[in-house]
N, C-alpha and C. Protein backbone atom coordinates (compact mmCIF):
# COMPACT_ATOMS: atom_id res chain seq x y z
N MET A 1 23.73 -43.20 -21.05
CA MET A 1 23.82 -41.79 -20.40
C MET A 1 25.55 -41.64 -20.04
N ASP A 2 26.10 -40.65 -20.69
CA ASP A 2 27.50 -40.32 -20.24
C ASP A 2 27.41 -39.18 -19.38
N ARG A 3 27.55 -39.66 -17.82
CA ARG A 3 27.36 -38.76 -16.91
C ARG A 3 28.65 -37.72 -16.77
N GLU A 4 29.94 -38.20 -17.24
CA GLU A 4 31.01 -37.17 -17.35
C GLU A 4 30.70 -36.01 -18.31
N ARG A 5 30.48 -36.49 -19.56
CA ARG A 5 30.04 -35.48 -20.74
C ARG A 5 28.86 -34.79 -19.96
N LEU A 6 27.94 -35.01 -19.57
CA LEU A 6 26.58 -34.45 -18.94
C LEU A 6 27.13 -33.34 -17.98
N VAL A 7 28.11 -33.62 -17.00
CA VAL A 7 28.56 -32.75 -16.02
C VAL A 7 29.15 -31.50 -16.59
N SER A 8 30.00 -31.81 -17.61
CA SER A 8 30.54 -30.87 -18.44
C SER A 8 29.80 -29.79 -19.17
N GLU A 9 28.86 -30.60 -19.84
CA GLU A 9 28.09 -29.73 -20.56
C GLU A 9 26.98 -28.76 -19.59
N LEU A 10 26.64 -29.41 -18.54
CA LEU A 10 25.92 -28.71 -17.44
C LEU A 10 26.89 -27.48 -17.01
N GLU A 11 28.02 -27.65 -16.83
CA GLU A 11 28.85 -26.37 -16.34
C GLU A 11 28.88 -25.38 -17.44
N ALA A 12 29.17 -26.08 -18.60
CA ALA A 12 29.20 -25.01 -19.84
C ALA A 12 28.14 -24.28 -20.20
N ASN A 13 27.01 -24.80 -20.00
CA ASN A 13 25.64 -24.25 -20.43
C ASN A 13 25.11 -23.58 -19.39
N PHE A 14 25.03 -23.98 -18.00
CA PHE A 14 24.27 -23.56 -16.79
C PHE A 14 24.91 -23.07 -15.76
N GLY A 15 26.18 -23.39 -15.57
CA GLY A 15 27.00 -23.09 -14.35
C GLY A 15 26.59 -24.09 -13.17
N GLY A 16 26.38 -23.39 -12.09
CA GLY A 16 25.96 -24.25 -10.87
C GLY A 16 27.22 -24.71 -10.17
N THR A 17 27.12 -25.20 -9.02
CA THR A 17 28.21 -25.65 -8.28
C THR A 17 28.67 -27.08 -8.63
N ALA A 18 29.77 -27.55 -8.32
CA ALA A 18 29.99 -28.86 -8.62
C ALA A 18 29.05 -29.79 -7.87
N MET A 19 28.55 -29.64 -6.63
CA MET A 19 27.62 -30.43 -5.97
C MET A 19 26.34 -30.39 -6.96
N THR A 20 25.99 -29.20 -7.31
CA THR A 20 24.54 -29.19 -8.04
C THR A 20 24.74 -30.03 -9.19
N ARG A 21 25.72 -29.78 -10.14
CA ARG A 21 25.97 -30.58 -11.13
C ARG A 21 25.94 -32.24 -11.12
N ARG A 22 26.50 -32.54 -9.89
CA ARG A 22 26.66 -33.91 -9.68
C ARG A 22 25.22 -34.38 -9.20
N ALA A 23 24.39 -33.84 -8.47
CA ALA A 23 23.15 -33.98 -8.28
C ALA A 23 22.35 -34.14 -9.47
N VAL A 24 22.28 -33.29 -10.39
CA VAL A 24 21.48 -33.34 -11.58
C VAL A 24 21.84 -34.33 -12.47
N SER A 25 23.35 -34.56 -12.60
CA SER A 25 23.62 -35.84 -13.44
C SER A 25 23.48 -37.04 -12.84
N ARG A 26 23.26 -37.22 -11.31
CA ARG A 26 22.94 -38.37 -10.96
C ARG A 26 21.41 -38.83 -11.14
N GLN A 27 20.57 -37.68 -11.11
CA GLN A 27 19.17 -37.73 -11.22
C GLN A 27 18.87 -37.86 -12.91
N ALA A 28 19.69 -37.53 -13.65
CA ALA A 28 19.49 -37.71 -14.99
C ALA A 28 19.88 -39.34 -15.31
N GLN A 29 20.96 -39.76 -14.68
CA GLN A 29 21.20 -41.18 -14.83
C GLN A 29 20.14 -42.03 -14.29
N ASP A 30 19.58 -41.72 -12.94
CA ASP A 30 18.49 -42.65 -12.59
C ASP A 30 17.37 -42.43 -13.52
N LEU A 31 17.08 -41.33 -14.20
CA LEU A 31 15.98 -41.17 -15.06
C LEU A 31 16.19 -42.01 -16.36
N ALA A 32 17.48 -41.86 -16.93
CA ALA A 32 17.70 -42.68 -18.06
C ALA A 32 17.60 -44.18 -17.72
N ASP A 33 18.06 -44.67 -16.46
CA ASP A 33 18.19 -46.02 -16.17
C ASP A 33 16.64 -46.62 -15.76
N SER A 34 15.74 -45.82 -15.54
CA SER A 34 14.52 -46.10 -15.51
C SER A 34 13.50 -46.45 -16.63
N GLY A 35 13.89 -45.74 -17.76
CA GLY A 35 13.14 -46.08 -18.84
C GLY A 35 12.03 -45.30 -19.13
N GLN A 36 11.83 -44.38 -18.12
CA GLN A 36 10.54 -43.68 -18.26
C GLN A 36 10.36 -42.90 -19.57
N ILE A 37 11.66 -42.14 -19.89
CA ILE A 37 11.51 -41.17 -21.01
C ILE A 37 11.29 -41.95 -22.22
N GLU A 38 11.96 -43.07 -22.42
CA GLU A 38 11.89 -43.89 -23.59
C GLU A 38 10.41 -44.46 -23.64
N ALA A 39 9.91 -44.66 -22.52
CA ALA A 39 8.38 -45.22 -22.56
C ALA A 39 7.37 -44.14 -22.71
N ASP A 40 7.46 -42.94 -22.36
CA ASP A 40 6.52 -41.85 -22.42
C ASP A 40 7.07 -40.98 -23.57
N MET A 41 8.22 -40.75 -23.92
CA MET A 41 8.37 -39.75 -25.21
C MET A 41 9.11 -40.46 -26.35
N GLN A 42 9.42 -41.73 -26.15
CA GLN A 42 9.82 -42.65 -27.34
C GLN A 42 11.35 -41.99 -27.83
N TYR A 43 12.39 -41.56 -26.99
CA TYR A 43 13.69 -41.30 -27.24
C TYR A 43 14.45 -41.70 -26.01
N ARG A 44 15.63 -42.02 -26.19
CA ARG A 44 16.57 -42.45 -25.33
C ARG A 44 17.41 -41.25 -24.52
N LEU A 45 17.50 -41.05 -23.33
CA LEU A 45 17.89 -39.97 -22.75
C LEU A 45 19.53 -40.00 -22.82
N THR A 46 20.00 -38.72 -23.47
CA THR A 46 21.21 -38.53 -23.53
C THR A 46 21.65 -37.21 -22.98
N ALA A 47 22.96 -36.99 -22.78
CA ALA A 47 23.30 -35.66 -22.31
C ALA A 47 22.81 -34.54 -23.10
N ASP A 48 22.94 -34.82 -24.47
CA ASP A 48 22.52 -33.81 -25.45
C ASP A 48 21.10 -33.38 -25.17
N ALA A 49 20.13 -34.50 -24.88
CA ALA A 49 18.73 -34.32 -24.68
C ALA A 49 18.44 -33.62 -23.27
N VAL A 50 19.24 -33.86 -22.18
CA VAL A 50 19.02 -33.26 -21.06
C VAL A 50 19.37 -31.61 -21.13
N VAL A 51 20.47 -31.23 -21.74
CA VAL A 51 20.86 -30.11 -22.09
C VAL A 51 19.72 -29.22 -22.94
N ALA A 52 19.35 -29.96 -23.78
CA ALA A 52 18.27 -29.07 -24.73
C ALA A 52 17.01 -29.13 -23.89
N ASN A 53 16.60 -29.97 -23.15
CA ASN A 53 15.46 -29.66 -22.35
C ASN A 53 15.56 -28.61 -21.18
N LEU A 54 16.87 -28.58 -20.57
CA LEU A 54 17.03 -27.64 -19.40
C LEU A 54 17.05 -26.28 -20.19
N ALA A 55 17.67 -26.12 -21.36
CA ALA A 55 17.76 -24.78 -22.20
C ALA A 55 16.37 -24.19 -22.42
N ASP A 56 15.26 -24.90 -22.41
CA ASP A 56 13.95 -24.51 -22.71
C ASP A 56 13.40 -23.81 -21.22
N ALA A 57 14.10 -23.90 -20.13
CA ALA A 57 13.58 -23.18 -18.98
C ALA A 57 13.78 -21.74 -19.03
N PRO A 58 13.19 -21.13 -18.13
CA PRO A 58 13.34 -19.67 -18.21
C PRO A 58 14.81 -19.29 -17.92
N GLU A 59 15.14 -18.25 -18.59
CA GLU A 59 16.74 -18.00 -18.78
C GLU A 59 17.31 -17.76 -17.41
N GLU A 60 16.45 -17.07 -16.43
CA GLU A 60 16.99 -16.80 -15.13
C GLU A 60 17.10 -17.75 -14.01
N TYR A 61 16.68 -19.11 -14.51
CA TYR A 61 16.45 -20.05 -13.61
C TYR A 61 17.97 -20.71 -13.27
N THR A 62 18.17 -21.08 -12.07
CA THR A 62 19.47 -21.84 -11.69
C THR A 62 19.48 -23.14 -12.32
N LEU A 63 20.65 -23.76 -12.37
CA LEU A 63 20.53 -25.41 -12.67
C LEU A 63 19.60 -26.25 -12.10
N VAL A 64 19.47 -26.11 -10.71
CA VAL A 64 18.61 -27.01 -10.01
C VAL A 64 17.01 -26.65 -10.44
N GLU A 65 16.95 -25.38 -10.60
CA GLU A 65 15.54 -24.90 -10.92
C GLU A 65 15.17 -25.29 -12.38
N ARG A 66 16.01 -25.18 -13.23
CA ARG A 66 15.90 -25.84 -14.40
C ARG A 66 15.51 -27.28 -14.43
N TRP A 67 16.24 -28.15 -13.93
CA TRP A 67 16.10 -29.40 -13.85
C TRP A 67 14.86 -29.58 -13.20
N ASN A 68 14.31 -29.13 -12.18
CA ASN A 68 12.93 -29.36 -11.56
C ASN A 68 11.94 -28.91 -12.39
N TRP A 69 12.04 -27.87 -13.00
CA TRP A 69 11.16 -27.16 -14.00
C TRP A 69 10.79 -28.26 -15.03
N TRP A 70 11.72 -28.90 -15.55
CA TRP A 70 11.59 -30.01 -16.45
C TRP A 70 10.91 -31.32 -16.04
N MET A 71 11.29 -31.57 -14.69
CA MET A 71 10.64 -32.68 -14.21
C MET A 71 9.10 -32.42 -13.99
N GLY A 72 8.84 -31.31 -13.34
CA GLY A 72 7.71 -30.85 -13.08
C GLY A 72 6.61 -30.67 -14.26
N SER A 73 7.29 -30.50 -15.75
CA SER A 73 6.47 -30.47 -16.74
C SER A 73 6.15 -31.95 -17.07
N LEU A 74 7.15 -32.66 -16.83
CA LEU A 74 6.96 -34.19 -17.38
C LEU A 74 6.18 -34.65 -16.30
N ASP A 75 6.07 -34.45 -15.03
CA ASP A 75 5.17 -34.92 -14.02
C ASP A 75 3.74 -34.56 -14.50
N LEU A 76 3.65 -33.22 -14.81
CA LEU A 76 2.09 -32.85 -15.30
C LEU A 76 1.57 -33.73 -16.46
N ALA A 77 2.49 -33.85 -17.56
CA ALA A 77 2.25 -34.54 -18.57
C ALA A 77 2.03 -36.05 -18.60
N PHE A 78 2.88 -36.86 -17.85
CA PHE A 78 2.91 -38.03 -17.70
C PHE A 78 2.66 -38.77 -16.31
N GLY A 79 3.13 -37.94 -15.32
CA GLY A 79 2.98 -38.48 -13.91
C GLY A 79 4.18 -39.24 -13.61
N GLU A 80 4.56 -39.40 -12.41
CA GLU A 80 5.52 -40.30 -11.91
C GLU A 80 7.01 -39.81 -12.05
N TYR A 81 7.08 -38.39 -12.13
CA TYR A 81 8.54 -37.97 -12.39
C TYR A 81 8.95 -37.03 -11.16
N GLN A 82 8.14 -36.97 -10.09
CA GLN A 82 8.21 -36.26 -8.91
C GLN A 82 9.56 -36.69 -8.16
N HIS A 83 9.84 -37.97 -8.14
CA HIS A 83 10.89 -38.55 -7.43
C HIS A 83 12.18 -38.31 -8.13
N PHE A 84 12.20 -37.66 -9.25
CA PHE A 84 13.35 -37.38 -9.81
C PHE A 84 13.79 -35.87 -9.41
N HIS A 85 13.09 -35.28 -8.70
CA HIS A 85 13.46 -33.69 -8.46
C HIS A 85 14.83 -33.71 -7.48
N VAL A 86 15.32 -32.70 -7.66
CA VAL A 86 16.61 -32.35 -6.99
C VAL A 86 16.08 -31.39 -5.68
N ARG A 87 16.67 -31.66 -4.66
CA ARG A 87 16.32 -30.66 -3.35
C ARG A 87 16.63 -29.23 -3.69
N PRO A 88 15.72 -28.27 -3.90
CA PRO A 88 16.03 -27.03 -4.17
C PRO A 88 17.02 -26.34 -3.18
N ASP A 89 17.09 -26.75 -1.76
CA ASP A 89 18.06 -26.10 -0.94
C ASP A 89 19.45 -26.75 -1.19
N LEU A 90 19.62 -27.55 -2.18
CA LEU A 90 20.86 -27.98 -2.38
C LEU A 90 21.93 -26.89 -2.69
N GLU A 91 21.38 -25.97 -3.46
CA GLU A 91 22.08 -24.71 -3.97
C GLU A 91 22.65 -23.88 -2.77
N ASP A 92 21.85 -23.97 -1.55
CA ASP A 92 22.32 -22.97 -0.62
C ASP A 92 23.45 -23.61 0.12
N THR A 93 23.65 -25.03 0.07
CA THR A 93 24.78 -25.87 0.96
C THR A 93 26.13 -25.33 0.42
N GLN A 94 26.82 -25.08 1.31
CA GLN A 94 28.15 -24.81 1.08
C GLN A 94 29.17 -26.04 1.36
N HIS A 95 29.72 -26.47 0.50
CA HIS A 95 30.86 -27.51 0.52
C HIS A 95 32.04 -27.39 -0.20
């Protein structure tokens, strides 16, 4: 997982604050490192795969909502993805 590339792709495709992009990219890295996607879906998690999956979320969703929507879908299908969610209130935090 190329986190720098992912952060750039998240900004270009979904916006969000620097803090939310870092949080999502950190969770994506943790998800990639866990091997769960490979075990459950038989593909390696890449920046392109993250962006493609987040693009499937409803258009009006924020970056964090998109990420949590995807994690919720994976959790329903396979279980054990809840701990990869990003705190929704992170978007309300001003730094």
